Amino acid sequence: GQTLSVKLKTNQPSNYFNVRQPGQDEAL
């Protein structure tokens, strides 16, 4: 129920992030 927020700023257009939940194979 808590809200997680993530923002990425980068100098590289191929730079990203994933968010993973514990015990789950597929990323959120």
mmCIF file of all heavy atoms, coordinates in Angstrom:
data_MODEL
# 
_entry.id   MODEL 
# 
loop_
_atom_site.group_PDB 
_atom_site.id 
_atom_site.type_symbol 
_atom_site.label_atom_id 
_atom_site.label_alt_id 
_atom_site.label_comp_id 
_atom_site.label_asym_id 
_atom_site.label_entity_id 
_atom_site.label_seq_id 
_atom_site.pdbx_PDB_ins_code 
_atom_site.Cartn_x 
_atom_site.Cartn_y 
_atom_site.Cartn_z 
_atom_site.occupancy 
_atom_site.B_iso_or_equiv 
_atom_site.pdbx_formal_charge 
_atom_site.auth_seq_id 
_atom_site.auth_comp_id 
_atom_site.auth_asym_id 
_atom_site.auth_atom_id 
_atom_site.pdbx_PDB_model_num 
ATOM 1   N N   . GLY A 1 1  ? 0.788  -1.221  0.000   1.00 0.00 ? 1  GLY A N   1 
ATOM 2   C CA  . GLY A 1 1  ? 0.000  0.000   0.000   1.00 0.00 ? 1  GLY A CA  1 
ATOM 3   C C   . GLY A 1 1  ? 0.824  1.276   0.000   1.00 0.00 ? 1  GLY A C   1 
ATOM 4   O O   . GLY A 1 1  ? 0.320  2.335   -0.355  1.00 0.00 ? 1  GLY A O   1 
ATOM 5   N N   . GLN A 1 2  ? 2.107  1.197   0.399   1.00 0.00 ? 2  GLN A N   1 
ATOM 6   C CA  . GLN A 1 2  ? 2.961  2.384   0.320   1.00 0.00 ? 2  GLN A CA  1 
ATOM 7   C C   . GLN A 1 2  ? 3.259  2.668   -1.149  1.00 0.00 ? 2  GLN A C   1 
ATOM 8   O O   . GLN A 1 2  ? 3.257  1.758   -1.978  1.00 0.00 ? 2  GLN A O   1 
ATOM 9   C CB  . GLN A 1 2  ? 4.272  2.179   1.073   1.00 0.00 ? 2  GLN A CB  1 
ATOM 10  C CG  . GLN A 1 2  ? 4.140  2.224   2.578   1.00 0.00 ? 2  GLN A CG  1 
ATOM 11  C CD  . GLN A 1 2  ? 5.498  2.122   3.249   1.00 0.00 ? 2  GLN A CD  1 
ATOM 12  O OE1 . GLN A 1 2  ? 6.283  1.230   2.960   1.00 0.00 ? 2  GLN A OE1 1 
ATOM 13  N NE2 . GLN A 1 2  ? 5.768  3.045   4.169   1.00 0.00 ? 2  GLN A NE2 1 
ATOM 14  N N   . THR A 1 3  ? 3.533  3.940   -1.463  1.00 0.00 ? 3  THR A N   1 
ATOM 15  C CA  . THR A 1 3  ? 3.853  4.318   -2.835  1.00 0.00 ? 3  THR A CA  1 
ATOM 16  C C   . THR A 1 3  ? 5.362  4.442   -2.994  1.00 0.00 ? 3  THR A C   1 
ATOM 17  O O   . THR A 1 3  ? 6.000  5.218   -2.277  1.00 0.00 ? 3  THR A O   1 
ATOM 18  C CB  . THR A 1 3  ? 3.171  5.650   -3.207  1.00 0.00 ? 3  THR A CB  1 
ATOM 19  O OG1 . THR A 1 3  ? 1.757  5.473   -3.094  1.00 0.00 ? 3  THR A OG1 1 
ATOM 20  C CG2 . THR A 1 3  ? 3.507  6.058   -4.637  1.00 0.00 ? 3  THR A CG2 1 
ATOM 21  N N   . LEU A 1 4  ? 5.892  3.666   -3.922  1.00 0.00 ? 4  LEU A N   1 
ATOM 22  C CA  . LEU A 1 4  ? 7.315  3.742   -4.253  1.00 0.00 ? 4  LEU A CA  1 
ATOM 23  C C   . LEU A 1 4  ? 7.457  4.579   -5.514  1.00 0.00 ? 4  LEU A C   1 
ATOM 24  O O   . LEU A 1 4  ? 6.741  4.359   -6.487  1.00 0.00 ? 4  LEU A O   1 
ATOM 25  C CB  . LEU A 1 4  ? 7.890  2.342   -4.496  1.00 0.00 ? 4  LEU A CB  1 
ATOM 26  C CG  . LEU A 1 4  ? 9.344  2.274   -4.975  1.00 0.00 ? 4  LEU A CG  1 
ATOM 27  C CD1 . LEU A 1 4  ? 10.301 2.785   -3.893  1.00 0.00 ? 4  LEU A CD1 1 
ATOM 28  C CD2 . LEU A 1 4  ? 9.713  0.853   -5.387  1.00 0.00 ? 4  LEU A CD2 1 
ATOM 29  N N   . SER A 1 5  ? 8.359  5.548   -5.465  1.00 0.00 ? 5  SER A N   1 
ATOM 30  C CA  . SER A 1 5  ? 8.634  6.327   -6.677  1.00 0.00 ? 5  SER A CA  1 
ATOM 31  C C   . SER A 1 5  ? 10.133 6.267   -6.954  1.00 0.00 ? 5  SER A C   1 
ATOM 32  O O   . SER A 1 5  ? 10.946 6.295   -6.029  1.00 0.00 ? 5  SER A O   1 
ATOM 33  C CB  . SER A 1 5  ? 8.177  7.780   -6.517  1.00 0.00 ? 5  SER A CB  1 
ATOM 34  O OG  . SER A 1 5  ? 8.848  8.398   -5.447  1.00 0.00 ? 5  SER A OG  1 
ATOM 35  N N   . VAL A 1 6  ? 10.473 6.151   -8.232  1.00 0.00 ? 6  VAL A N   1 
ATOM 36  C CA  . VAL A 1 6  ? 11.868 6.089   -8.660  1.00 0.00 ? 6  VAL A CA  1 
ATOM 37  C C   . VAL A 1 6  ? 12.006 6.947   -9.909  1.00 0.00 ? 6  VAL A C   1 
ATOM 38  O O   . VAL A 1 6  ? 11.196 6.843   -10.826 1.00 0.00 ? 6  VAL A O   1 
ATOM 39  C CB  . VAL A 1 6  ? 12.300 4.630   -8.989  1.00 0.00 ? 6  VAL A CB  1 
ATOM 40  C CG1 . VAL A 1 6  ? 13.773 4.575   -9.357  1.00 0.00 ? 6  VAL A CG1 1 
ATOM 41  C CG2 . VAL A 1 6  ? 12.006 3.697   -7.820  1.00 0.00 ? 6  VAL A CG2 1 
ATOM 42  N N   . LYS A 1 7  ? 13.039 7.800   -9.924  1.00 0.00 ? 7  LYS A N   1 
ATOM 43  C CA  . LYS A 1 7  ? 13.328 8.632   -11.099 1.00 0.00 ? 7  LYS A CA  1 
ATOM 44  C C   . LYS A 1 7  ? 14.800 8.493   -11.429 1.00 0.00 ? 7  LYS A C   1 
ATOM 45  O O   . LYS A 1 7  ? 15.654 8.593   -10.540 1.00 0.00 ? 7  LYS A O   1 
ATOM 46  C CB  . LYS A 1 7  ? 13.005 10.097  -10.821 1.00 0.00 ? 7  LYS A CB  1 
ATOM 47  C CG  . LYS A 1 7  ? 11.538 10.394  -10.738 1.00 0.00 ? 7  LYS A CG  1 
ATOM 48  C CD  . LYS A 1 7  ? 11.285 11.887  -10.596 1.00 0.00 ? 7  LYS A CD  1 
ATOM 49  C CE  . LYS A 1 7  ? 9.813  12.129  -10.388 1.00 0.00 ? 7  LYS A CE  1 
ATOM 50  N NZ  . LYS A 1 7  ? 9.491  12.775  -9.131  1.00 0.00 ? 7  LYS A NZ  1 
ATOM 51  N N   . LEU A 1 8  ? 15.088 8.282   -12.697 1.00 0.00 ? 8  LEU A N   1 
ATOM 52  C CA  . LEU A 1 8  ? 16.464 8.140   -13.168 1.00 0.00 ? 8  LEU A CA  1 
ATOM 53  C C   . LEU A 1 8  ? 16.797 9.280   -14.115 1.00 0.00 ? 8  LEU A C   1 
ATOM 54  O O   . LEU A 1 8  ? 16.037 9.557   -15.049 1.00 0.00 ? 8  LEU A O   1 
ATOM 55  C CB  . LEU A 1 8  ? 16.624 6.801   -13.907 1.00 0.00 ? 8  LEU A CB  1 
ATOM 56  C CG  . LEU A 1 8  ? 17.985 6.529   -14.538 1.00 0.00 ? 8  LEU A CG  1 
ATOM 57  C CD1 . LEU A 1 8  ? 19.037 6.228   -13.475 1.00 0.00 ? 8  LEU A CD1 1 
ATOM 58  C CD2 . LEU A 1 8  ? 17.896 5.359   -15.514 1.00 0.00 ? 8  LEU A CD2 1 
ATOM 59  N N   . LYS A 1 9  ? 17.911 9.943   -13.856 1.00 0.00 ? 9  LYS A N   1 
ATOM 60  C CA  . LYS A 1 9  ? 18.455 10.935  -14.788 1.00 0.00 ? 9  LYS A CA  1 
ATOM 61  C C   . LYS A 1 9  ? 19.801 10.412  -15.215 1.00 0.00 ? 9  LYS A C   1 
ATOM 62  O O   . LYS A 1 9  ? 20.605 9.981   -14.378 1.00 0.00 ? 9  LYS A O   1 
ATOM 63  C CB  . LYS A 1 9  ? 18.606 12.297  -14.116 1.00 0.00 ? 9  LYS A CB  1 
ATOM 64  C CG  . LYS A 1 9  ? 17.285 12.956  -13.798 1.00 0.00 ? 9  LYS A CG  1 
ATOM 65  C CD  . LYS A 1 9  ? 17.475 14.312  -13.164 1.00 0.00 ? 9  LYS A CD  1 
ATOM 66  C CE  . LYS A 1 9  ? 16.115 14.900  -12.828 1.00 0.00 ? 9  LYS A CE  1 
ATOM 67  N NZ  . LYS A 1 9  ? 16.206 16.028  -11.925 1.00 0.00 ? 9  LYS A NZ  1 
ATOM 68  N N   . THR A 1 10 ? 20.065 10.429  -16.523 1.00 0.00 ? 10 THR A N   1 
ATOM 69  C CA  . THR A 1 10 ? 21.291 9.821   -17.035 1.00 0.00 ? 10 THR A CA  1 
ATOM 70  C C   . THR A 1 10 ? 21.796 10.547  -18.269 1.00 0.00 ? 10 THR A C   1 
ATOM 71  O O   . THR A 1 10 ? 21.029 11.217  -18.964 1.00 0.00 ? 10 THR A O   1 
ATOM 72  C CB  . THR A 1 10 ? 21.051 8.324   -17.348 1.00 0.00 ? 10 THR A CB  1 
ATOM 73  O OG1 . THR A 1 10 ? 22.257 7.750   -17.864 1.00 0.00 ? 10 THR A OG1 1 
ATOM 74  C CG2 . THR A 1 10 ? 19.927 8.131   -18.351 1.00 0.00 ? 10 THR A CG2 1 
ATOM 75  N N   . ASN A 1 11 ? 23.083 10.372  -18.539 1.00 0.00 ? 11 ASN A N   1 
ATOM 76  C CA  . ASN A 1 11 ? 23.685 10.945  -19.747 1.00 0.00 ? 11 ASN A CA  1 
ATOM 77  C C   . ASN A 1 11 ? 23.740 9.913   -20.879 1.00 0.00 ? 11 ASN A C   1 
ATOM 78  O O   . ASN A 1 11 ? 24.253 10.192  -21.941 1.00 0.00 ? 11 ASN A O   1 
ATOM 79  C CB  . ASN A 1 11 ? 25.116 11.437  -19.444 1.00 0.00 ? 11 ASN A CB  1 
ATOM 80  C CG  . ASN A 1 11 ? 26.064 10.283  -19.132 1.00 0.00 ? 11 ASN A CG  1 
ATOM 81  O OD1 . ASN A 1 11 ? 25.648 9.186   -18.771 1.00 0.00 ? 11 ASN A OD1 1 
ATOM 82  N ND2 . ASN A 1 11 ? 27.346 10.540  -19.259 1.00 0.00 ? 11 ASN A ND2 1 
ATOM 83  N N   . GLN A 1 12 ? 23.202 8.716   -20.643 1.00 0.00 ? 12 GLN A N   1 
ATOM 84  C CA  . GLN A 1 12 ? 23.311 7.597   -21.591 1.00 0.00 ? 12 GLN A CA  1 
ATOM 85  C C   . GLN A 1 12 ? 21.907 7.126   -21.970 1.00 0.00 ? 12 GLN A C   1 
ATOM 86  O O   . GLN A 1 12 ? 21.173 6.643   -21.118 1.00 0.00 ? 12 GLN A O   1 
ATOM 87  C CB  . GLN A 1 12 ? 24.122 6.482   -20.917 1.00 0.00 ? 12 GLN A CB  1 
ATOM 88  C CG  . GLN A 1 12 ? 24.178 5.156   -21.618 1.00 0.00 ? 12 GLN A CG  1 
ATOM 89  C CD  . GLN A 1 12 ? 24.689 5.201   -23.021 1.00 0.00 ? 12 GLN A CD  1 
ATOM 90  O OE1 . GLN A 1 12 ? 23.894 5.073   -23.952 1.00 0.00 ? 12 GLN A OE1 1 
ATOM 91  N NE2 . GLN A 1 12 ? 25.973 5.395   -23.204 1.00 0.00 ? 12 GLN A NE2 1 
ATOM 92  N N   . PRO A 1 13 ? 21.520 7.255   -23.246 1.00 0.00 ? 13 PRO A N   1 
ATOM 93  C CA  . PRO A 1 13 ? 20.155 6.887   -23.641 1.00 0.00 ? 13 PRO A CA  1 
ATOM 94  C C   . PRO A 1 13 ? 19.818 5.401   -23.465 1.00 0.00 ? 13 PRO A C   1 
ATOM 95  O O   . PRO A 1 13 ? 18.645 5.043   -23.457 1.00 0.00 ? 13 PRO A O   1 
ATOM 96  C CB  . PRO A 1 13 ? 20.066 7.308   -25.108 1.00 0.00 ? 13 PRO A CB  1 
ATOM 97  C CG  . PRO A 1 13 ? 21.458 7.533   -25.567 1.00 0.00 ? 13 PRO A CG  1 
ATOM 98  C CD  . PRO A 1 13 ? 22.298 7.802   -24.361 1.00 0.00 ? 13 PRO A CD  1 
ATOM 99  N N   . SER A 1 14 ? 20.808 4.536   -23.288 1.00 0.00 ? 14 SER A N   1 
ATOM 100 C CA  . SER A 1 14 ? 20.543 3.102   -23.092 1.00 0.00 ? 14 SER A CA  1 
ATOM 101 C C   . SER A 1 14 ? 20.601 2.699   -21.624 1.00 0.00 ? 14 SER A C   1 
ATOM 102 O O   . SER A 1 14 ? 20.703 1.527   -21.305 1.00 0.00 ? 14 SER A O   1 
ATOM 103 C CB  . SER A 1 14 ? 21.545 2.269   -23.903 1.00 0.00 ? 14 SER A CB  1 
ATOM 104 O OG  . SER A 1 14 ? 21.326 2.465   -25.277 1.00 0.00 ? 14 SER A OG  1 
ATOM 105 N N   . ASN A 1 15 ? 20.549 3.665   -20.719 1.00 0.00 ? 15 ASN A N   1 
ATOM 106 C CA  . ASN A 1 15 ? 20.598 3.420   -19.274 1.00 0.00 ? 15 ASN A CA  1 
ATOM 107 C C   . ASN A 1 15 ? 19.175 3.440   -18.716 1.00 0.00 ? 15 ASN A C   1 
ATOM 108 O O   . ASN A 1 15 ? 18.442 4.412   -18.897 1.00 0.00 ? 15 ASN A O   1 
ATOM 109 C CB  . ASN A 1 15 ? 21.451 4.522   -18.643 1.00 0.00 ? 15 ASN A CB  1 
ATOM 110 C CG  . ASN A 1 15 ? 21.672 4.381   -17.144 1.00 0.00 ? 15 ASN A CG  1 
ATOM 111 O OD1 . ASN A 1 15 ? 22.063 5.339   -16.505 1.00 0.00 ? 15 ASN A OD1 1 
ATOM 112 N ND2 . ASN A 1 15 ? 21.450 3.223   -16.573 1.00 0.00 ? 15 ASN A ND2 1 
ATOM 113 N N   . TYR A 1 16 ? 18.775 2.340   -18.051 1.00 0.00 ? 16 TYR A N   1 
ATOM 114 C CA  . TYR A 1 16 ? 17.434 2.212   -17.493 1.00 0.00 ? 16 TYR A CA  1 
ATOM 115 C C   . TYR A 1 16 ? 17.492 1.569   -16.116 1.00 0.00 ? 16 TYR A C   1 
ATOM 116 O O   . TYR A 1 16 ? 18.559 1.186   -15.650 1.00 0.00 ? 16 TYR A O   1 
ATOM 117 C CB  . TYR A 1 16 ? 16.549 1.341   -18.406 1.00 0.00 ? 16 TYR A CB  1 
ATOM 118 C CG  . TYR A 1 16 ? 16.282 1.948   -19.756 1.00 0.00 ? 16 TYR A CG  1 
ATOM 119 C CD1 . TYR A 1 16 ? 16.989 1.537   -20.874 1.00 0.00 ? 16 TYR A CD1 1 
ATOM 120 C CD2 . TYR A 1 16 ? 15.317 2.933   -19.901 1.00 0.00 ? 16 TYR A CD2 1 
ATOM 121 C CE1 . TYR A 1 16 ? 16.750 2.109   -22.112 1.00 0.00 ? 16 TYR A CE1 1 
ATOM 122 C CE2 . TYR A 1 16 ? 15.067 3.501   -21.131 1.00 0.00 ? 16 TYR A CE2 1 
ATOM 123 C CZ  . TYR A 1 16 ? 15.780 3.088   -22.236 1.00 0.00 ? 16 TYR A CZ  1 
ATOM 124 O OH  . TYR A 1 16 ? 15.532 3.650   -23.457 1.00 0.00 ? 16 TYR A OH  1 
ATOM 125 N N   . PHE A 1 17 ? 16.321 1.398   -15.510 1.00 0.00 ? 17 PHE A N   1 
ATOM 126 C CA  . PHE A 1 17 ? 16.226 0.657   -14.255 1.00 0.00 ? 17 PHE A CA  1 
ATOM 127 C C   . PHE A 1 17 ? 15.004 -0.246  -14.292 1.00 0.00 ? 17 PHE A C   1 
ATOM 128 O O   . PHE A 1 17 ? 14.033 0.025   -14.993 1.00 0.00 ? 17 PHE A O   1 
ATOM 129 C CB  . PHE A 1 17 ? 16.168 1.599   -13.037 1.00 0.00 ? 17 PHE A CB  1 
ATOM 130 C CG  . PHE A 1 17 ? 14.880 2.370   -12.907 1.00 0.00 ? 17 PHE A CG  1 
ATOM 131 C CD1 . PHE A 1 17 ? 13.813 1.858   -12.185 1.00 0.00 ? 17 PHE A CD1 1 
ATOM 132 C CD2 . PHE A 1 17 ? 14.731 3.616   -13.499 1.00 0.00 ? 17 PHE A CD2 1 
ATOM 133 C CE1 . PHE A 1 17 ? 12.621 2.577   -12.067 1.00 0.00 ? 17 PHE A CE1 1 
ATOM 134 C CE2 . PHE A 1 17 ? 13.553 4.333   -13.386 1.00 0.00 ? 17 PHE A CE2 1 
ATOM 135 C CZ  . PHE A 1 17 ? 12.492 3.808   -12.660 1.00 0.00 ? 17 PHE A CZ  1 
ATOM 136 N N   . ASN A 1 18 ? 15.076 -1.326  -13.522 1.00 0.00 ? 18 ASN A N   1 
ATOM 137 C CA  . ASN A 1 18 ? 13.946 -2.222  -13.306 1.00 0.00 ? 18 ASN A CA  1 
ATOM 138 C C   . ASN A 1 18 ? 13.618 -2.205  -11.823 1.00 0.00 ? 18 ASN A C   1 
ATOM 139 O O   . ASN A 1 18 ? 14.498 -1.961  -10.994 1.00 0.00 ? 18 ASN A O   1 
ATOM 140 C CB  . ASN A 1 18 ? 14.288 -3.667  -13.702 1.00 0.00 ? 18 ASN A CB  1 
ATOM 141 C CG  . ASN A 1 18 ? 14.489 -3.835  -15.193 1.00 0.00 ? 18 ASN A CG  1 
ATOM 142 O OD1 . ASN A 1 18 ? 14.082 -2.997  -15.989 1.00 0.00 ? 18 ASN A OD1 1 
ATOM 143 N ND2 . ASN A 1 18 ? 15.124 -4.926  -15.575 1.00 0.00 ? 18 ASN A ND2 1 
ATOM 144 N N   . VAL A 1 19 ? 12.372 -2.503  -11.485 1.00 0.00 ? 19 VAL A N   1 
ATOM 145 C CA  . VAL A 1 19 ? 11.971 -2.655  -10.086 1.00 0.00 ? 19 VAL A CA  1 
ATOM 146 C C   . VAL A 1 19 ? 11.509 -4.095  -9.923  1.00 0.00 ? 19 VAL A C   1 
ATOM 147 O O   . VAL A 1 19 ? 10.633 -4.559  -10.658 1.00 0.00 ? 19 VAL A O   1 
ATOM 148 C CB  . VAL A 1 19 ? 10.837 -1.676  -9.696  1.00 0.00 ? 19 VAL A CB  1 
ATOM 149 C CG1 . VAL A 1 19 ? 10.400 -1.915  -8.245  1.00 0.00 ? 19 VAL A CG1 1 
ATOM 150 C CG2 . VAL A 1 19 ? 11.277 -0.231  -9.894  1.00 0.00 ? 19 VAL A CG2 1 
ATOM 151 N N   . ARG A 1 20 ? 12.118 -4.787  -8.961  1.00 0.00 ? 20 ARG A N   1 
ATOM 152 C CA  . ARG A 1 20 ? 11.774 -6.187  -8.707  1.00 0.00 ? 20 ARG A CA  1 
ATOM 153 C C   . ARG A 1 20 ? 11.160 -6.349  -7.322  1.00 0.00 ? 20 ARG A C   1 
ATOM 154 O O   . ARG A 1 20 ? 11.585 -5.720  -6.377  1.00 0.00 ? 20 ARG A O   1 
ATOM 155 C CB  . ARG A 1 20 ? 13.018 -7.068  -8.804  1.00 0.00 ? 20 ARG A CB  1 
ATOM 156 C CG  . ARG A 1 20 ? 13.606 -7.092  -10.184 1.00 0.00 ? 20 ARG A CG  1 
ATOM 157 C CD  . ARG A 1 20 ? 14.559 -8.265  -10.356 1.00 0.00 ? 20 ARG A CD  1 
ATOM 158 N NE  . ARG A 1 20 ? 15.014 -8.358  -11.720 1.00 0.00 ? 20 ARG A NE  1 
ATOM 159 C CZ  . ARG A 1 20 ? 14.328 -8.894  -12.709 1.00 0.00 ? 20 ARG A CZ  1 
ATOM 160 N NH1 . ARG A 1 20 ? 13.153 -9.407  -12.490 1.00 0.00 ? 20 ARG A NH1 1 
ATOM 161 N NH2 . ARG A 1 20 ? 14.824 -8.941  -13.927 1.00 0.00 ? 20 ARG A NH2 1 
ATOM 162 N N   . GLN A 1 21 ? 10.173 -7.223  -7.274  1.00 0.00 ? 21 GLN A N   1 
ATOM 163 C CA  . GLN A 1 21 ? 9.487  -7.556  -6.022  1.00 0.00 ? 21 GLN A CA  1 
ATOM 164 C C   . GLN A 1 21 ? 10.083 -8.848  -5.486  1.00 0.00 ? 21 GLN A C   1 
ATOM 165 O O   . GLN A 1 21 ? 10.403 -9.751  -6.257  1.00 0.00 ? 21 GLN A O   1 
ATOM 166 C CB  . GLN A 1 21 ? 7.998  -7.734  -6.317  1.00 0.00 ? 21 GLN A CB  1 
ATOM 167 C CG  . GLN A 1 21 ? 7.162  -8.060  -5.113  1.00 0.00 ? 21 GLN A CG  1 
ATOM 168 C CD  . GLN A 1 21 ? 5.702  -8.278  -5.494  1.00 0.00 ? 21 GLN A CD  1 
ATOM 169 O OE1 . GLN A 1 21 ? 5.296  -8.047  -6.617  1.00 0.00 ? 21 GLN A OE1 1 
ATOM 170 N NE2 . GLN A 1 21 ? 4.916  -8.738  -4.534  1.00 0.00 ? 21 GLN A NE2 1 
ATOM 171 N N   . PRO A 1 22 ? 10.220 -8.975  -4.165  1.00 0.00 ? 22 PRO A N   1 
ATOM 172 C CA  . PRO A 1 22 ? 10.795 -10.204 -3.614  1.00 0.00 ? 22 PRO A CA  1 
ATOM 173 C C   . PRO A 1 22 ? 9.959  -11.436 -3.969  1.00 0.00 ? 22 PRO A C   1 
ATOM 174 O O   . PRO A 1 22 ? 8.736  -11.375 -3.949  1.00 0.00 ? 22 PRO A O   1 
ATOM 175 C CB  . PRO A 1 22 ? 10.796 -9.954  -2.097  1.00 0.00 ? 22 PRO A CB  1 
ATOM 176 C CG  . PRO A 1 22 ? 9.827  -8.844  -1.871  1.00 0.00 ? 22 PRO A CG  1 
ATOM 177 C CD  . PRO A 1 22 ? 9.797  -8.041  -3.139  1.00 0.00 ? 22 PRO A CD  1 
ATOM 178 N N   . GLY A 1 23 ? 10.655 -12.499 -4.350  1.00 0.00 ? 23 GLY A N   1 
ATOM 179 C CA  . GLY A 1 23 ? 9.982  -13.762 -4.632  1.00 0.00 ? 23 GLY A CA  1 
ATOM 180 C C   . GLY A 1 23 ? 9.254  -13.835 -5.968  1.00 0.00 ? 23 GLY A C   1 
ATOM 181 O O   . GLY A 1 23 ? 8.577  -14.804 -6.244  1.00 0.00 ? 23 GLY A O   1 
ATOM 182 N N   . GLN A 1 24 ? 9.381  -12.799 -6.797  1.00 0.00 ? 24 GLN A N   1 
ATOM 183 C CA  . GLN A 1 24 ? 8.702  -12.797 -8.098  1.00 0.00 ? 24 GLN A CA  1 
ATOM 184 C C   . GLN A 1 24 ? 9.740  -12.837 -9.221  1.00 0.00 ? 24 GLN A C   1 
ATOM 185 O O   . GLN A 1 24 ? 10.741 -12.130 -9.162  1.00 0.00 ? 24 GLN A O   1 
ATOM 186 C CB  . GLN A 1 24 ? 7.841  -11.546 -8.260  1.00 0.00 ? 24 GLN A CB  1 
ATOM 187 C CG  . GLN A 1 24 ? 6.748  -11.399 -7.227  1.00 0.00 ? 24 GLN A CG  1 
ATOM 188 C CD  . GLN A 1 24 ? 5.691  -12.486 -7.345  1.00 0.00 ? 24 GLN A CD  1 
ATOM 189 O OE1 . GLN A 1 24 ? 5.288  -12.865 -8.431  1.00 0.00 ? 24 GLN A OE1 1 
ATOM 190 N NE2 . GLN A 1 24 ? 5.257  -13.007 -6.213  1.00 0.00 ? 24 GLN A NE2 1 
ATOM 191 N N   . ASP A 1 25 ? 9.486  -13.643 -10.234 1.00 0.00 ? 25 ASP A N   1 
ATOM 192 C CA  . ASP A 1 25 ? 10.397 -13.730 -11.373 1.00 0.00 ? 25 ASP A CA  1 
ATOM 193 C C   . ASP A 1 25 ? 10.271 -12.523 -12.291 1.00 0.00 ? 25 ASP A C   1 
ATOM 194 O O   . ASP A 1 25 ? 11.257 -12.026 -12.812 1.00 0.00 ? 25 ASP A O   1 
ATOM 195 C CB  . ASP A 1 25 ? 10.137 -15.009 -12.184 1.00 0.00 ? 25 ASP A CB  1 
ATOM 196 C CG  . ASP A 1 25 ? 10.545 -16.262 -11.411 1.00 0.00 ? 25 ASP A CG  1 
ATOM 197 O OD1 . ASP A 1 25 ? 11.425 -16.163 -10.535 1.00 0.00 ? 25 ASP A OD1 1 
ATOM 198 O OD2 . ASP A 1 25 ? 9.976  -17.320 -11.683 1.00 0.00 ? 25 ASP A OD2 1 
ATOM 199 N N   . GLU A 1 26 ? 9.057  -12.076 -12.482 1.00 0.00 ? 26 GLU A N   1 
ATOM 200 C CA  . GLU A 1 26 ? 8.823  -10.968 -13.404 1.00 0.00 ? 26 GLU A CA  1 
ATOM 201 C C   . GLU A 1 26 ? 8.960  -9.630  -12.674 1.00 0.00 ? 26 GLU A C   1 
ATOM 202 O O   . GLU A 1 26 ? 8.486  -9.464  -11.555 1.00 0.00 ? 26 GLU A O   1 
ATOM 203 C CB  . GLU A 1 26 ? 7.420  -11.091 -13.996 1.00 0.00 ? 26 GLU A CB  1 
ATOM 204 C CG  . GLU A 1 26 ? 7.242  -10.290 -15.258 1.00 0.00 ? 26 GLU A CG  1 
ATOM 205 C CD  . GLU A 1 26 ? 5.937  -10.630 -15.951 1.00 0.00 ? 26 GLU A CD  1 
ATOM 206 O OE1 . GLU A 1 26 ? 5.700  -11.830 -16.194 1.00 0.00 ? 26 GLU A OE1 1 
ATOM 207 O OE2 . GLU A 1 26 ? 5.175  -9.699  -16.240 1.00 0.00 ? 26 GLU A OE2 1 
ATOM 208 N N   . ALA A 1 27 ? 9.616  -8.675  -13.323 1.00 0.00 ? 27 ALA A N   1 
ATOM 209 C CA  . ALA A 1 27 ? 9.807  -7.357  -12.723 1.00 0.00 ? 27 ALA A CA  1 
ATOM 210 C C   . ALA A 1 27 ? 8.474  -6.614  -12.634 1.00 0.00 ? 27 ALA A C   1 
ATOM 211 O O   . ALA A 1 27 ? 7.599  -6.768  -13.485 1.00 0.00 ? 27 ALA A O   1 
ATOM 212 C CB  . ALA A 1 27 ? 10.807 -6.556  -13.540 1.00 0.00 ? 27 ALA A CB  1 
ATOM 213 N N   . LEU A 1 28 ? 8.326  -5.798  -11.591 1.00 0.00 ? 28 LEU A N   1 
ATOM 214 C CA  . LEU A 1 28 ? 7.141  -4.933  -11.450 1.00 0.00 ? 28 LEU A CA  1 
ATOM 215 C C   . LEU A 1 28 ? 7.179  -3.838  -12.508 1.00 0.00 ? 28 LEU A C   1 
ATOM 216 O O   . LEU A 1 28 ? 6.153  -3.385  -12.977 1.00 0.00 ? 28 LEU A O   1 
ATOM 217 C CB  . LEU A 1 28 ? 7.170  -4.230  -10.085 1.00 0.00 ? 28 LEU A CB  1 
ATOM 218 C CG  . LEU A 1 28 ? 6.586  -4.925  -8.897  1.00 0.00 ? 28 LEU A CG  1 
ATOM 219 C CD1 . LEU A 1 28 ? 6.744  -4.050  -7.663  1.00 0.00 ? 28 LEU A CD1 1 
ATOM 220 C CD2 . LEU A 1 28 ? 5.130  -5.259  -9.104  1.00 0.00 ? 28 LEU A CD2 1 
# 
